[in-house]
Amino acid sequence: MAKKIVGLSLALALLLGLGVALWSSQTLPQLAPVQSQQAKQLDQAIADLQNPKKIIRRYAVEKIARLSDSPDIGKAVQPLSDILLNLGKPSGIFTQMIAAETLGRIAAKLGPPASDEAVEALIECLENEGFDVVRAACAQGLGLAQDELSVEPLLFYLQNDQNPLVKLGAQAGLQRLDQTRVPFSPESKKLAADLLSKPVVSDDELYQYIKAHTIYARPALEERGWRP
């Protein structure tokens, strides 16, 4: 009797092993990966860039800025570039400034050549934007991008732009590039070292600019004793 039980046990074990082997050899259907919460937030923020309400578009740019470490952040470059360049509904100066910084950080994460689109949008805005504060933000964004394409535009605007804010933005961007491993040509390296060794905007120039562009509190500069 004991021998029969042992024999049956072995038979059942063999059948069970064979069944498992046959089952595991079948091709199982591949389950679609569950979209991460971060990816969902990024997709929603990109969709909100088309919202007719300006404040929603600003919040969307701010959210994309917070999600700039997302693996899929590259798909935000084109819609952010549209915001920066005002190609759709105007979103306001502050929103453009946030978009400029965010594009710079995204470009640094992507690296060339994937970063080229973001860098080119920043350069185009620096060349054509009407608001000086936005252009200054673009210059700083080019520094954040850590891209070789940023070098020549920053050198040019640091030397030739007439606006003190843009020149200060270009100086900050060039300093950041100079502190990274972005390659400079020998000529550009020498020129950058010379430009960064001295003030690019005098105190008086900056003072006069602030006075001219402060609408509601011009006397406050003198009252607080801030003079060049």
Foldseek 3Di string as FASTA:
>chain_A
DVVVVVVVVVVVVVVVVVVVVVVVVDDDDDDDDDDDPLNVLLVVLLVQCPPPDLVSVLVSLVSLLVSLVPPPNLVSQVSLLCQLVVVDPPNDLVSNLSSLQSLLQNLLVVDPPSSVSSLVSLLVCLVDPPDLQSNLSSLLSLLSNLELVSQVSLLCCLPDPPDPSNVVSSLNSLVSNVPDPRDDDPVSVVSNVVSNVDDSADLQRVLVVCLVPDDPPNVVCVVVPPDD
